Amino acid sequence: MARLQQGDLTGAMTETQEAVETGSALHGNGVGNLDETVNNALDYYQLGEILRARKQWQPALRAFQQSQALSSRLPASAIEDASDREKLANLPARIDECIRRPGKKQGKRL
């Protein structure tokens, strides 16, 4: 997260991809572990944010969708941090943004 805030997208991407891979492996080993599911959902959210900052809309969309799929399995009480709840609550808007891709010409509807 610090690298992203400093504008180091490459470093942030590397660290976040490693976290996603590790989290996915841990989540796969303990599907019932709520902490691992929360962490994995947040890792995918962070990956989506980095890809979004790089304007890589399709990969960002996939990361946000994976985050949403994981977080949808969680009871609200599993996400203790308010800022984490806010991030995950923002997923529909992030997904919509990726689908609409800023700068993409919207076709006229007849």
N, C-alpha and C. Protein backbone atom coordinates (compact mmCIF):
# COMPACT_ATOMS: atom_id res chain seq x y z
N MET A 1 0.82 -1.18 0.00
CA MET A 1 0.00 0.00 0.00
C MET A 1 0.86 1.25 0.00
N ALA A 2 1.94 1.25 0.76
CA ALA A 2 2.81 2.43 0.83
C ALA A 2 3.40 2.75 -0.53
N ARG A 3 3.78 1.72 -1.28
CA ARG A 3 4.36 1.97 -2.60
C ARG A 3 3.34 2.62 -3.53
N LEU A 4 2.10 2.20 -3.44
CA LEU A 4 1.06 2.79 -4.28
C LEU A 4 0.86 4.25 -3.90
N GLN A 5 0.83 4.55 -2.62
CA GLN A 5 0.67 5.93 -2.16
C GLN A 5 1.85 6.80 -2.57
N GLN A 6 3.03 6.19 -2.72
CA GLN A 6 4.22 6.92 -3.15
C GLN A 6 4.29 7.04 -4.68
N GLY A 7 3.36 6.40 -5.37
CA GLY A 7 3.36 6.45 -6.82
C GLY A 7 4.21 5.38 -7.49
N ASP A 8 4.72 4.45 -6.72
CA ASP A 8 5.54 3.35 -7.26
C ASP A 8 4.62 2.22 -7.69
N LEU A 9 4.01 2.37 -8.87
CA LEU A 9 3.05 1.37 -9.34
C LEU A 9 3.70 0.02 -9.61
N THR A 10 4.93 0.04 -10.12
CA THR A 10 5.61 -1.22 -10.41
C THR A 10 5.89 -2.00 -9.13
N GLY A 11 6.44 -1.32 -8.13
CA GLY A 11 6.72 -1.98 -6.85
C GLY A 11 5.44 -2.43 -6.17
N ALA A 12 4.42 -1.58 -6.22
CA ALA A 12 3.13 -1.93 -5.61
C ALA A 12 2.53 -3.14 -6.30
N MET A 13 2.65 -3.18 -7.62
CA MET A 13 2.11 -4.30 -8.39
C MET A 13 2.81 -5.60 -8.00
N THR A 14 4.12 -5.58 -7.91
CA THR A 14 4.89 -6.78 -7.55
C THR A 14 4.50 -7.28 -6.17
N GLU A 15 4.47 -6.37 -5.19
CA GLU A 15 4.12 -6.77 -3.82
C GLU A 15 2.69 -7.29 -3.73
N THR A 16 1.78 -6.63 -4.43
CA THR A 16 0.37 -7.03 -4.35
C THR A 16 0.14 -8.36 -5.05
N GLN A 17 0.79 -8.59 -6.18
CA GLN A 17 0.65 -9.87 -6.86
C GLN A 17 1.15 -11.01 -5.97
N GLU A 18 2.25 -10.77 -5.27
CA GLU A 18 2.77 -11.77 -4.34
C GLU A 18 1.76 -12.03 -3.21
N ALA A 19 1.17 -10.96 -2.70
CA ALA A 19 0.17 -11.11 -1.62
C ALA A 19 -1.05 -11.88 -2.12
N VAL A 20 -1.49 -11.59 -3.35
CA VAL A 20 -2.64 -12.29 -3.92
C VAL A 20 -2.34 -13.78 -4.07
N GLU A 21 -1.16 -14.08 -4.59
CA GLU A 21 -0.79 -15.49 -4.78
C GLU A 21 -0.70 -16.22 -3.44
N THR A 22 -0.06 -15.60 -2.46
CA THR A 22 0.05 -16.20 -1.14
C THR A 22 -1.33 -16.35 -0.51
N GLY A 23 -2.12 -15.28 -0.58
CA GLY A 23 -3.46 -15.31 0.00
C GLY A 23 -4.35 -16.35 -0.65
N SER A 24 -4.25 -16.48 -1.96
CA SER A 24 -5.06 -17.47 -2.67
C SER A 24 -4.67 -18.88 -2.23
N ALA A 25 -3.37 -19.11 -2.05
CA ALA A 25 -2.92 -20.43 -1.61
C ALA A 25 -3.42 -20.70 -0.18
N LEU A 26 -3.31 -19.71 0.69
CA LEU A 26 -3.78 -19.89 2.07
C LEU A 26 -5.29 -20.06 2.10
N HIS A 27 -5.98 -19.29 1.29
CA HIS A 27 -7.45 -19.37 1.25
C HIS A 27 -7.87 -20.74 0.75
N GLY A 28 -7.16 -21.25 -0.25
CA GLY A 28 -7.48 -22.57 -0.80
C GLY A 28 -7.28 -23.68 0.21
N ASN A 29 -6.33 -23.48 1.12
CA ASN A 29 -6.07 -24.50 2.14
C ASN A 29 -7.04 -24.43 3.30
N GLY A 30 -7.65 -23.27 3.49
CA GLY A 30 -8.56 -23.12 4.63
C GLY A 30 -9.76 -22.28 4.24
N VAL A 31 -10.58 -22.82 3.34
CA VAL A 31 -11.70 -22.07 2.80
C VAL A 31 -12.61 -21.51 3.90
N GLY A 32 -12.71 -22.19 5.02
CA GLY A 32 -13.57 -21.73 6.09
C GLY A 32 -12.95 -20.66 6.97
N ASN A 33 -11.70 -20.28 6.72
CA ASN A 33 -11.01 -19.30 7.53
C ASN A 33 -11.41 -17.89 7.09
N LEU A 34 -12.22 -17.22 7.91
CA LEU A 34 -12.73 -15.90 7.54
C LEU A 34 -11.62 -14.86 7.41
N ASP A 35 -10.62 -14.91 8.28
CA ASP A 35 -9.52 -13.94 8.19
C ASP A 35 -8.80 -14.04 6.85
N GLU A 36 -8.54 -15.26 6.40
CA GLU A 36 -7.86 -15.45 5.12
C GLU A 36 -8.74 -14.97 3.96
N THR A 37 -10.04 -15.19 4.07
CA THR A 37 -10.95 -14.74 3.02
C THR A 37 -10.98 -13.21 2.98
N VAL A 38 -11.05 -12.58 4.13
CA VAL A 38 -11.02 -11.11 4.18
C VAL A 38 -9.72 -10.59 3.57
N ASN A 39 -8.59 -11.14 3.99
CA ASN A 39 -7.30 -10.70 3.48
C ASN A 39 -7.19 -10.89 1.98
N ASN A 40 -7.66 -12.03 1.50
CA ASN A 40 -7.59 -12.32 0.07
C ASN A 40 -8.48 -11.35 -0.72
N ALA A 41 -9.67 -11.07 -0.20
CA ALA A 41 -10.57 -10.11 -0.85
C ALA A 41 -9.92 -8.73 -0.92
N LEU A 42 -9.27 -8.32 0.17
CA LEU A 42 -8.61 -7.01 0.19
C LEU A 42 -7.39 -6.98 -0.72
N ASP A 43 -6.66 -8.09 -0.81
CA ASP A 43 -5.52 -8.16 -1.74
C ASP A 43 -5.99 -7.99 -3.18
N TYR A 44 -7.07 -8.67 -3.53
CA TYR A 44 -7.61 -8.52 -4.89
C TYR A 44 -8.11 -7.09 -5.13
N TYR A 45 -8.70 -6.48 -4.10
CA TYR A 45 -9.13 -5.09 -4.23
C TYR A 45 -7.93 -4.19 -4.52
N GLN A 46 -6.87 -4.38 -3.75
CA GLN A 46 -5.65 -3.58 -3.94
C GLN A 46 -5.07 -3.80 -5.33
N LEU A 47 -5.05 -5.03 -5.79
CA LEU A 47 -4.56 -5.32 -7.14
C LEU A 47 -5.41 -4.57 -8.17
N GLY A 48 -6.73 -4.59 -7.98
CA GLY A 48 -7.61 -3.86 -8.87
C GLY A 48 -7.31 -2.37 -8.88
N GLU A 49 -7.03 -1.80 -7.71
CA GLU A 49 -6.70 -0.37 -7.62
C GLU A 49 -5.42 -0.05 -8.39
N ILE A 50 -4.43 -0.91 -8.28
CA ILE A 50 -3.17 -0.68 -8.99
C ILE A 50 -3.40 -0.76 -10.50
N LEU A 51 -4.10 -1.80 -10.92
CA LEU A 51 -4.37 -1.97 -12.36
C LEU A 51 -5.23 -0.81 -12.88
N ARG A 52 -6.16 -0.34 -12.07
CA ARG A 52 -6.99 0.81 -12.44
C ARG A 52 -6.13 2.05 -12.61
N ALA A 53 -5.18 2.25 -11.71
CA ALA A 53 -4.27 3.40 -11.81
C ALA A 53 -3.42 3.32 -13.07
N ARG A 54 -3.14 2.10 -13.50
CA ARG A 54 -2.36 1.89 -14.74
C ARG A 54 -3.24 1.87 -15.98
N LYS A 55 -4.56 2.07 -15.77
CA LYS A 55 -5.55 2.07 -16.86
C LYS A 55 -5.60 0.74 -17.60
N GLN A 56 -5.36 -0.33 -16.86
CA GLN A 56 -5.49 -1.69 -17.38
C GLN A 56 -6.86 -2.19 -16.94
N TRP A 57 -7.86 -1.79 -17.70
CA TRP A 57 -9.25 -1.93 -17.28
C TRP A 57 -9.73 -3.38 -17.17
N GLN A 58 -9.42 -4.22 -18.12
CA GLN A 58 -9.89 -5.61 -18.05
C GLN A 58 -9.27 -6.37 -16.89
N PRO A 59 -7.95 -6.30 -16.71
CA PRO A 59 -7.38 -6.97 -15.53
C PRO A 59 -7.90 -6.38 -14.22
N ALA A 60 -8.11 -5.07 -14.18
CA ALA A 60 -8.66 -4.44 -12.97
C ALA A 60 -10.07 -4.97 -12.71
N LEU A 61 -10.86 -5.08 -13.76
CA LEU A 61 -12.21 -5.61 -13.63
C LEU A 61 -12.19 -7.01 -13.03
N ARG A 62 -11.32 -7.87 -13.55
CA ARG A 62 -11.23 -9.24 -13.04
C ARG A 62 -10.82 -9.26 -11.56
N ALA A 63 -9.88 -8.39 -11.19
CA ALA A 63 -9.44 -8.34 -9.79
C ALA A 63 -10.58 -7.87 -8.88
N PHE A 64 -11.29 -6.83 -9.31
CA PHE A 64 -12.42 -6.33 -8.50
C PHE A 64 -13.52 -7.38 -8.41
N GLN A 65 -13.78 -8.08 -9.49
CA GLN A 65 -14.81 -9.12 -9.46
C GLN A 65 -14.41 -10.27 -8.53
N GLN A 66 -13.14 -10.62 -8.53
CA GLN A 66 -12.67 -11.67 -7.62
C GLN A 66 -12.80 -11.21 -6.17
N SER A 67 -12.47 -9.95 -5.92
CA SER A 67 -12.62 -9.40 -4.58
C SER A 67 -14.09 -9.44 -4.15
N GLN A 68 -14.97 -9.09 -5.06
CA GLN A 68 -16.39 -9.10 -4.76
C GLN A 68 -16.90 -10.52 -4.50
N ALA A 69 -16.44 -11.46 -5.30
CA ALA A 69 -16.85 -12.86 -5.11
C ALA A 69 -16.43 -13.36 -3.73
N LEU A 70 -15.22 -13.03 -3.32
CA LEU A 70 -14.74 -13.45 -2.01
C LEU A 70 -15.49 -12.74 -0.89
N SER A 71 -15.65 -11.43 -1.02
CA SER A 71 -16.29 -10.67 0.06
C SER A 71 -17.77 -10.99 0.19
N SER A 72 -18.40 -11.45 -0.88
CA SER A 72 -19.82 -11.79 -0.80
C SER A 72 -20.08 -13.01 0.08
N ARG A 73 -19.03 -13.78 0.33
CA ARG A 73 -19.15 -14.98 1.18
C ARG A 73 -18.96 -14.67 2.66
N LEU A 74 -18.67 -13.42 2.97
CA LEU A 74 -18.32 -13.04 4.34
C LEU A 74 -19.49 -12.41 5.08
N PRO A 75 -19.65 -12.76 6.34
CA PRO A 75 -20.61 -12.00 7.15
C PRO A 75 -20.02 -10.61 7.42
N ALA A 76 -20.87 -9.62 7.56
CA ALA A 76 -20.40 -8.25 7.79
C ALA A 76 -19.46 -8.16 8.99
N SER A 77 -19.71 -8.96 9.99
CA SER A 77 -18.89 -8.92 11.20
C SER A 77 -17.45 -9.39 10.98
N ALA A 78 -17.18 -10.06 9.87
CA ALA A 78 -15.83 -10.56 9.60
C ALA A 78 -14.87 -9.45 9.19
N ILE A 79 -15.42 -8.33 8.72
CA ILE A 79 -14.59 -7.22 8.26
C ILE A 79 -14.60 -6.17 9.37
N GLU A 80 -13.59 -6.22 10.22
CA GLU A 80 -13.56 -5.40 11.42
C GLU A 80 -13.17 -3.96 11.16
N ASP A 81 -12.27 -3.71 10.23
CA ASP A 81 -11.76 -2.36 9.98
C ASP A 81 -12.74 -1.57 9.11
N ALA A 82 -13.09 -0.38 9.56
CA ALA A 82 -14.06 0.45 8.84
C ALA A 82 -13.57 0.83 7.45
N SER A 83 -12.28 1.10 7.30
CA SER A 83 -11.77 1.47 5.97
C SER A 83 -11.81 0.27 5.02
N ASP A 84 -11.62 -0.92 5.56
CA ASP A 84 -11.72 -2.13 4.73
C ASP A 84 -13.17 -2.35 4.29
N ARG A 85 -14.12 -2.13 5.20
CA ARG A 85 -15.53 -2.24 4.84
C ARG A 85 -15.89 -1.23 3.77
N GLU A 86 -15.35 -0.02 3.89
CA GLU A 86 -15.63 1.02 2.90
C GLU A 86 -15.08 0.63 1.52
N LYS A 87 -13.87 0.09 1.49
CA LYS A 87 -13.28 -0.35 0.22
C LYS A 87 -14.16 -1.39 -0.45
N LEU A 88 -14.52 -2.41 0.32
CA LEU A 88 -15.30 -3.50 -0.25
C LEU A 88 -16.71 -3.04 -0.63
N ALA A 89 -17.25 -2.09 0.10
CA ALA A 89 -18.56 -1.54 -0.27
C ALA A 89 -18.50 -0.75 -1.56
N ASN A 90 -17.31 -0.29 -1.91
CA ASN A 90 -17.11 0.50 -3.12
C ASN A 90 -16.90 -0.38 -4.37
N LEU A 91 -16.87 -1.68 -4.20
CA LEU A 91 -16.61 -2.58 -5.33
C LEU A 91 -17.58 -2.41 -6.50
N PRO A 92 -18.90 -2.30 -6.27
CA PRO A 92 -19.79 -2.12 -7.43
C PRO A 92 -19.44 -0.90 -8.28
N ALA A 93 -19.05 0.19 -7.63
CA ALA A 93 -18.66 1.40 -8.38
C ALA A 93 -17.37 1.17 -9.16
N ARG A 94 -16.42 0.48 -8.55
CA ARG A 94 -15.15 0.20 -9.24
C ARG A 94 -15.39 -0.73 -10.44
N ILE A 95 -16.23 -1.72 -10.24
CA ILE A 95 -16.54 -2.64 -11.34
C ILE A 95 -17.22 -1.90 -12.47
N ASP A 96 -18.18 -1.05 -12.13
CA ASP A 96 -18.89 -0.26 -13.14
C ASP A 96 -17.91 0.65 -13.90
N GLU A 97 -16.99 1.26 -13.18
CA GLU A 97 -16.00 2.13 -13.81
C GLU A 97 -15.16 1.35 -14.81
N CYS A 98 -14.74 0.15 -14.44
CA CYS A 98 -13.92 -0.66 -15.34
C CYS A 98 -14.71 -1.08 -16.57
N ILE A 99 -15.98 -1.36 -16.39
CA ILE A 99 -16.81 -1.75 -17.52
C ILE A 99 -16.97 -0.58 -18.47
N ARG A 100 -17.18 0.60 -17.90
CA ARG A 100 -17.37 1.81 -18.72
C ARG A 100 -16.05 2.37 -19.24
N ARG A 101 -14.95 2.00 -18.64
CA ARG A 101 -13.61 2.45 -19.01
C ARG A 101 -13.59 3.93 -19.39
N PRO A 102 -13.09 4.77 -18.52
CA PRO A 102 -12.98 6.19 -18.85
C PRO A 102 -12.23 6.39 -20.17
N GLY A 103 -12.75 7.27 -20.98
CA GLY A 103 -12.13 7.55 -22.27
C GLY A 103 -12.67 6.70 -23.40
N LYS A 104 -13.42 5.65 -23.05
CA LYS A 104 -14.00 4.80 -24.08
C LYS A 104 -15.21 5.51 -24.66
N LYS A 105 -15.31 5.53 -25.94
CA LYS A 105 -16.46 6.16 -26.59
C LYS A 105 -17.66 5.26 -26.38
N GLN A 106 -18.71 5.86 -25.87
CA GLN A 106 -19.95 5.11 -25.67
C GLN A 106 -20.75 5.16 -26.96
N GLY A 107 -21.16 4.01 -27.41
CA GLY A 107 -21.95 3.95 -28.65
C GLY A 107 -23.34 4.55 -28.46
N LYS A 108 -23.87 5.05 -29.52
CA LYS A 108 -25.22 5.61 -29.46
C LYS A 108 -26.22 4.47 -29.46
N ARG A 109 -27.20 4.62 -28.62
CA ARG A 109 -28.27 3.61 -28.57
C ARG A 109 -29.41 4.10 -29.43
N LEU A 110 -29.95 3.20 -30.18
CA LEU A 110 -31.06 3.55 -31.04
C LEU A 110 -32.37 3.23 -30.38
